[in-house]
Amino acid sequence: MTKTILLVEDNEMNRDMLSRRLIRQGFNVTCAVDGPSGVAMAKSESPDLILMDVALGEMDGWEATVLIKADPATRAIPIIALTAHALASDRQKSHEVGCIDFDTKPVDFARLVGKIQSHI
């Protein structure tokens, strides 16, 4: 069965590039452009995994993750945080809010796919 990934990413070029590459790997991909739509789509789409950009504007990816993890309907969905910041504090914060994993941008695609496959 094909697995569905929800990509929450506000940068159109990043969203386009990553979603195309994931589709070529055999995943179904749905996209949200900001935190609030990511939270709503987590509930409406019930994806197998969420790739959550951390820097999203008014509602960052950490806040969106907290809301997703607080909802019984979505709390079991694994979330991988994506950020351009490779700081240990960002990795720690991602785990504190409920992300199951963390990866940096620019994305090492093979590494990211390995993480996705290990969590779904």
Protein backbone atom coordinates (compact mmCIF):
# COMPACT_ATOMS: atom_id res chain seq x y z
CA MET A 1 0.00 0.00 0.00
CA THR A 2 1.31 3.44 -0.92
CA LYS A 3 2.16 5.60 2.06
CA THR A 4 1.05 9.23 2.27
CA ILE A 5 3.30 12.04 3.45
CA LEU A 6 2.05 15.47 4.45
CA LEU A 7 4.71 18.05 3.63
CA VAL A 8 4.27 21.28 5.60
CA GLU A 9 6.53 23.79 3.86
CA ASP A 10 5.99 27.49 3.14
CA ASN A 11 8.71 27.85 0.51
CA GLU A 12 7.21 27.01 -2.87
CA MET A 13 10.49 25.89 -4.46
CA ASN A 14 11.33 23.60 -1.53
CA ARG A 15 7.79 22.22 -1.50
CA ASP A 16 7.84 21.53 -5.25
CA MET A 17 11.29 19.94 -5.31
CA LEU A 18 10.77 17.74 -2.29
CA SER A 19 7.26 16.62 -3.21
CA ARG A 20 8.35 15.65 -6.75
CA ARG A 21 11.27 13.61 -5.43
CA LEU A 22 9.07 11.87 -2.85
CA ILE A 23 6.48 11.03 -5.50
CA ARG A 24 9.24 9.48 -7.65
CA GLN A 25 10.08 7.30 -4.63
CA GLY A 26 6.51 5.99 -4.64
CA PHE A 27 4.91 8.09 -1.90
CA ASN A 28 1.63 9.98 -2.14
CA VAL A 29 2.34 13.57 -1.12
CA THR A 30 -0.05 16.24 0.09
CA CYS A 31 1.18 19.72 0.91
CA ALA A 32 0.32 22.43 3.38
CA VAL A 33 1.75 25.94 3.04
CA ASP A 34 1.64 26.99 6.72
CA GLY A 35 1.18 25.76 10.27
CA PRO A 36 -2.60 26.14 10.56
CA SER A 37 -3.26 24.33 7.28
CA GLY A 38 -0.77 21.64 8.31
CA VAL A 39 -2.67 21.05 11.54
CA ALA A 40 -6.00 20.91 9.67
CA MET A 41 -4.65 18.60 6.97
CA ALA A 42 -3.11 16.25 9.53
CA LYS A 43 -6.66 15.65 10.75
CA SER A 44 -8.44 15.62 7.39
CA GLU A 45 -5.85 13.61 5.42
CA SER A 46 -4.58 11.21 8.14
CA PRO A 47 -1.12 10.92 6.54
CA ASP A 48 1.29 8.13 7.44
CA LEU A 49 4.00 10.70 8.25
CA ILE A 50 4.45 14.49 8.37
CA LEU A 51 7.52 16.40 7.23
CA MET A 52 7.29 19.65 9.20
CA ASP A 53 9.29 22.73 8.30
CA VAL A 54 10.20 24.55 11.50
CA ALA A 55 10.23 28.14 10.16
CA LEU A 56 6.68 28.72 8.94
CA GLY A 57 5.75 32.27 9.90
CA GLU A 58 3.05 33.13 12.43
CA MET A 59 2.65 29.53 13.62
CA ASP A 60 6.00 27.77 13.46
CA GLY A 61 6.41 24.06 12.93
CA TRP A 62 6.99 23.40 16.60
CA GLU A 63 3.69 25.02 17.56
CA ALA A 64 1.90 23.10 14.79
CA THR A 65 3.50 19.87 16.07
CA VAL A 66 2.29 20.57 19.62
CA LEU A 67 -1.28 20.99 18.32
CA ILE A 68 -1.09 17.82 16.22
CA LYS A 69 0.28 15.82 19.15
CA ALA A 70 -2.41 17.23 21.49
CA ASP A 71 -5.24 15.90 19.31
CA PRO A 72 -6.14 12.23 19.91
CA ALA A 73 -7.03 11.89 16.22
CA THR A 74 -3.53 12.90 15.05
CA ARG A 75 -1.12 12.29 17.92
CA ALA A 76 0.13 8.94 16.58
CA ILE A 77 1.29 10.40 13.25
CA PRO A 78 5.10 10.48 13.20
CA ILE A 79 6.56 13.93 12.50
CA ILE A 80 10.03 14.67 11.16
CA ALA A 81 11.16 18.28 11.69
CA LEU A 82 12.97 19.98 8.81
CA THR A 83 15.09 23.07 9.37
CA ALA A 84 17.98 24.98 7.87
CA HIS A 85 19.43 25.28 11.39
CA ALA A 86 21.63 22.36 12.42
CA LEU A 87 21.89 23.46 16.04
CA ALA A 88 21.68 20.90 18.82
CA SER A 89 19.08 23.12 20.50
CA ASP A 90 16.81 22.85 17.44
CA ARG A 91 17.13 19.06 17.48
CA GLN A 92 16.33 19.01 21.21
CA LYS A 93 13.33 21.36 20.82
CA SER A 94 11.99 19.18 17.98
CA HIS A 95 12.04 16.12 20.24
CA GLU A 96 10.54 18.05 23.16
CA VAL A 97 7.48 19.07 21.11
CA GLY A 98 6.92 15.52 19.85
CA CYS A 99 8.85 15.09 16.61
CA ILE A 100 10.11 11.56 16.15
CA ASP A 101 13.12 12.72 14.11
CA PHE A 102 14.92 15.77 12.75
CA ASP A 103 16.68 16.58 9.49
CA THR A 104 18.44 19.62 8.09
CA LYS A 105 18.12 21.61 4.89
CA PRO A 106 19.38 21.48 2.30
CA VAL A 107 17.97 17.98 2.44
CA ASP A 108 20.21 14.98 1.95
CA PHE A 109 17.46 13.13 0.11
CA ALA A 110 18.78 9.58 0.59
CA ARG A 111 19.18 10.18 4.33
CA LEU A 112 15.68 11.69 4.59
CA VAL A 113 14.08 8.78 2.72
CA GLY A 114 15.86 6.39 5.07
CA LYS A 115 14.40 8.25 8.05
CA ILE A 116 10.93 8.25 6.49
CA GLN A 117 11.07 4.51 5.81
CA SER A 118 12.24 3.77 9.35
CA HIS A 119 9.22 5.59 10.83
CA ILE A 120 6.35 4.35 8.65
